[in-house]
Amino acid sequence: MALRAWTSAAAGVVRWRLGAGAPSAVVRFENPARAFARARDPAKPRRPHTAYNLFVKANGATRPAGVTQVEHLRALAAQWKALDAGGRAPYERDAAADKARHTHEMADYDPRGGKPKRPLNAYMQFAVARRPDVVAANPGAGATEVTKMLGAEWRAMAESAKQPWQARAAAAAAEYERAKATAGV
């Protein structure tokens, strides 16, 4: 059964139901628009600032009294457009440095947090190995058709022909268990 969610008329209430006839759970959020937002990984490096972001950060703090935020940002955008290459150069230089920082940090970032990837099963091992041949033999076929062809080929295979793929899958599963034990997961 699929877990379904919907918001009620009362702001900040999200109801969860596990299929038809199942009881629902009510969860309250201060901001219902953010109720389904995915949590950000705190270890993931922040995205780099653009030259325009740096310009607004440097010049946006001094908003005159009586000017709305929208009007102030429009004025800053107009100033940015009016800047010549010499005026933009320091911001572009800092943006390039920030992009280099981000690239360097992303090279070290592991989104899996050190956890090993799960192993491919026998069919997926077969599909990964055979896909290039099937695509080459059927150049006009889309991804769905290629997958259907691979599935039909797998189902038509004798058990003895599946043995090498099952052995590969078993070896990958054993390697996964060793990596899991090493990672302490």
Protein backbone atom coordinates (compact mmCIF):
# COMPACT_ATOMS: atom_id res chain seq x y z
CA MET A 1 0.00 0.00 0.00
CA ALA A 2 1.18 3.48 -0.77
CA LEU A 3 1.49 6.14 1.90
CA ARG A 4 -0.61 9.11 0.86
CA ALA A 5 -0.57 12.57 2.34
CA TRP A 6 -2.78 15.60 2.00
CA THR A 7 -3.21 18.90 3.79
CA SER A 8 -6.44 19.79 5.51
CA ALA A 9 -8.21 23.13 5.50
CA ALA A 10 -6.57 24.01 8.80
CA ALA A 11 -3.18 25.52 8.06
CA GLY A 12 -0.26 23.50 9.22
CA VAL A 13 -2.00 20.11 9.39
CA VAL A 14 -0.86 17.22 7.25
CA ARG A 15 -2.73 13.91 7.34
CA TRP A 16 -1.12 10.61 6.43
CA ARG A 17 -3.11 7.53 5.44
CA LEU A 18 -1.80 4.07 4.60
CA GLY A 19 -4.30 3.07 1.91
CA ALA A 20 -8.08 2.91 1.97
CA GLY A 21 -9.77 2.25 5.31
CA ALA A 22 -6.56 2.64 7.30
CA PRO A 23 -6.44 5.09 10.19
CA SER A 24 -4.79 8.40 9.47
CA ALA A 25 -2.09 10.13 11.44
CA VAL A 26 -2.13 13.88 11.90
CA VAL A 27 1.14 15.78 11.88
CA ARG A 28 1.31 19.51 12.55
CA PHE A 29 3.83 21.80 10.87
CA GLU A 30 4.42 25.50 11.34
CA ASN A 31 4.75 25.96 7.58
CA PRO A 32 2.69 23.43 5.61
CA ALA A 33 4.38 24.39 2.34
CA ARG A 34 7.65 23.01 3.77
CA ALA A 35 6.03 19.87 5.23
CA PHE A 36 7.24 17.63 2.41
CA ALA A 37 10.61 19.29 1.82
CA ARG A 38 13.51 16.89 1.93
CA ALA A 39 15.95 17.49 4.76
CA ARG A 40 19.27 18.97 3.65
CA ASP A 41 22.37 16.91 4.24
CA PRO A 42 24.44 19.02 6.68
CA ALA A 43 27.69 17.55 5.32
CA LYS A 44 26.94 18.60 1.74
CA PRO A 45 28.91 21.67 0.64
CA ARG A 46 26.92 24.83 0.05
CA ARG A 47 26.43 25.87 -3.57
CA PRO A 48 28.79 28.57 -4.84
CA HIS A 49 27.69 32.19 -4.96
CA THR A 50 27.29 33.86 -8.34
CA ALA A 51 28.78 37.27 -9.05
CA TYR A 52 25.29 38.78 -8.80
CA ASN A 53 24.70 37.07 -5.41
CA LEU A 54 27.92 38.59 -4.09
CA PHE A 55 26.95 42.02 -5.46
CA VAL A 56 23.56 41.89 -3.72
CA LYS A 57 25.17 40.65 -0.50
CA ALA A 58 27.66 43.54 -0.56
CA ASN A 59 25.15 46.26 -1.50
CA GLY A 60 21.82 44.95 -0.26
CA ALA A 61 22.28 45.54 3.45
CA THR A 62 21.74 49.29 3.14
CA ARG A 63 18.04 49.42 2.27
CA PRO A 64 16.67 52.95 2.62
CA ALA A 65 13.76 53.49 5.00
CA GLY A 66 10.37 53.43 3.32
CA VAL A 67 11.54 51.25 0.42
CA THR A 68 10.12 47.74 0.20
CA GLN A 69 12.36 44.72 -0.22
CA VAL A 70 11.03 44.14 -3.75
CA GLU A 71 11.72 47.72 -4.81
CA HIS A 72 15.19 47.55 -3.27
CA LEU A 73 16.02 44.33 -5.15
CA ARG A 74 14.74 45.85 -8.40
CA ALA A 75 17.06 48.82 -7.87
CA LEU A 76 19.99 46.49 -7.16
CA ALA A 77 19.23 44.50 -10.33
CA ALA A 78 19.22 47.74 -12.34
CA GLN A 79 22.56 48.74 -10.77
CA TRP A 80 24.01 45.34 -11.64
CA LYS A 81 22.88 45.66 -15.26
CA ALA A 82 24.41 49.13 -15.45
CA LEU A 83 27.80 47.99 -14.12
CA ASP A 84 30.57 47.77 -16.69
CA ALA A 85 33.10 44.91 -16.85
CA GLY A 86 35.48 46.73 -14.51
CA GLY A 87 32.77 47.14 -11.87
CA ARG A 88 31.76 43.49 -12.11
CA ALA A 89 35.34 42.17 -12.07
CA PRO A 90 35.78 41.90 -8.27
CA TYR A 91 32.48 40.06 -7.89
CA GLU A 92 33.26 37.73 -10.78
CA ARG A 93 36.72 37.05 -9.33
CA ASP A 94 35.21 36.17 -5.93
CA ALA A 95 32.53 34.04 -7.60
CA ALA A 96 35.21 32.10 -9.50
CA ALA A 97 37.09 31.52 -6.24
CA ASP A 98 33.89 30.34 -4.55
CA LYS A 99 33.15 28.00 -7.46
CA ALA A 100 36.67 26.54 -7.13
CA ARG A 101 36.04 26.05 -3.39
CA HIS A 102 32.76 24.29 -4.13
CA THR A 103 34.35 22.03 -6.77
CA HIS A 104 37.12 21.09 -4.33
CA GLU A 105 34.66 20.36 -1.50
CA MET A 106 32.36 18.34 -3.78
CA ALA A 107 35.30 16.14 -4.80
CA ASP A 108 35.67 15.14 -1.13
CA TYR A 109 31.93 14.86 -0.44
CA ASP A 110 30.42 11.38 -0.16
CA PRO A 111 26.62 11.57 -0.40
CA ARG A 112 26.28 8.02 0.89
CA GLY A 113 28.14 8.87 4.10
CA GLY A 114 30.56 5.96 3.71
CA LYS A 115 27.79 3.39 3.25
CA PRO A 116 28.46 0.90 0.43
CA LYS A 117 26.11 0.74 -2.55
CA ARG A 118 23.71 -2.18 -2.56
CA PRO A 119 24.70 -4.97 -4.97
CA LEU A 120 22.96 -5.66 -8.26
CA ASN A 121 20.85 -8.82 -8.45
CA ALA A 122 21.38 -11.44 -11.15
CA TYR A 123 18.94 -9.86 -13.62
CA MET A 124 20.45 -6.39 -13.22
CA GLN A 125 23.97 -7.81 -13.72
CA PHE A 126 22.69 -9.39 -16.94
CA ALA A 127 20.87 -6.22 -18.06
CA VAL A 128 23.91 -3.99 -17.51
CA ALA A 129 26.11 -6.33 -19.53
CA ARG A 130 23.62 -6.94 -22.36
CA ARG A 131 22.10 -3.45 -22.76
CA PRO A 132 24.81 -2.11 -25.16
CA ASP A 133 24.34 -5.11 -27.48
CA VAL A 134 20.54 -4.81 -27.46
CA VAL A 135 20.72 -1.06 -28.11
CA ALA A 136 23.18 -1.62 -30.99
CA ALA A 137 20.91 -4.29 -32.50
CA ASN A 138 17.81 -2.06 -32.17
CA PRO A 139 18.95 1.53 -32.85
CA GLY A 140 15.43 2.99 -33.01
CA ALA A 141 14.24 1.42 -29.75
CA GLY A 142 13.66 3.61 -26.73
CA ALA A 143 14.63 2.82 -23.16
CA THR A 144 11.30 1.16 -22.38
CA GLU A 145 11.46 -1.12 -25.41
CA VAL A 146 15.07 -2.08 -24.67
CA THR A 147 14.14 -2.93 -21.09
CA LYS A 148 11.21 -5.05 -22.29
CA MET A 149 13.53 -6.90 -24.70
CA LEU A 150 16.03 -7.55 -21.92
CA GLY A 151 13.28 -8.82 -19.63
CA ALA A 152 11.94 -11.15 -22.30
CA GLU A 153 15.45 -12.44 -23.01
CA TRP A 154 16.03 -13.08 -19.29
CA ARG A 155 12.72 -14.93 -18.88
CA ALA A 156 13.47 -17.08 -21.94
CA MET A 157 16.91 -18.09 -20.62
CA ALA A 158 17.42 -21.57 -19.21
CA GLU A 159 18.43 -21.88 -15.56
CA SER A 160 21.88 -23.11 -16.62
CA ALA A 161 22.39 -19.91 -18.65
CA LYS A 162 21.40 -17.80 -15.63
CA GLN A 163 23.97 -19.50 -13.36
CA PRO A 164 26.92 -17.20 -14.24
CA TRP A 165 24.81 -14.12 -13.52
CA GLN A 166 23.58 -15.58 -10.25
CA ALA A 167 27.18 -16.36 -9.29
CA ARG A 168 28.17 -12.75 -10.03
CA ALA A 169 25.24 -11.51 -7.95
CA ALA A 170 26.22 -13.79 -5.05
CA ALA A 171 29.81 -12.52 -5.22
CA ALA A 172 28.58 -8.91 -5.28
CA ALA A 173 26.31 -9.60 -2.29
CA ALA A 174 29.21 -11.11 -0.34
CA GLU A 175 31.39 -8.11 -1.19
CA TYR A 176 28.58 -5.80 -0.07
CA GLU A 177 28.30 -7.59 3.28
CA ARG A 178 32.08 -7.31 3.78
CA ALA A 179 31.99 -3.59 2.91
CA LYS A 180 29.04 -3.09 5.27
CA ALA A 181 30.92 -4.76 8.10
CA THR A 182 34.01 -2.67 7.37
CA ALA A 183 31.99 0.56 7.30
CA GLY A 184 30.23 -0.40 10.52
CA VAL A 185 26.77 -0.04 9.03
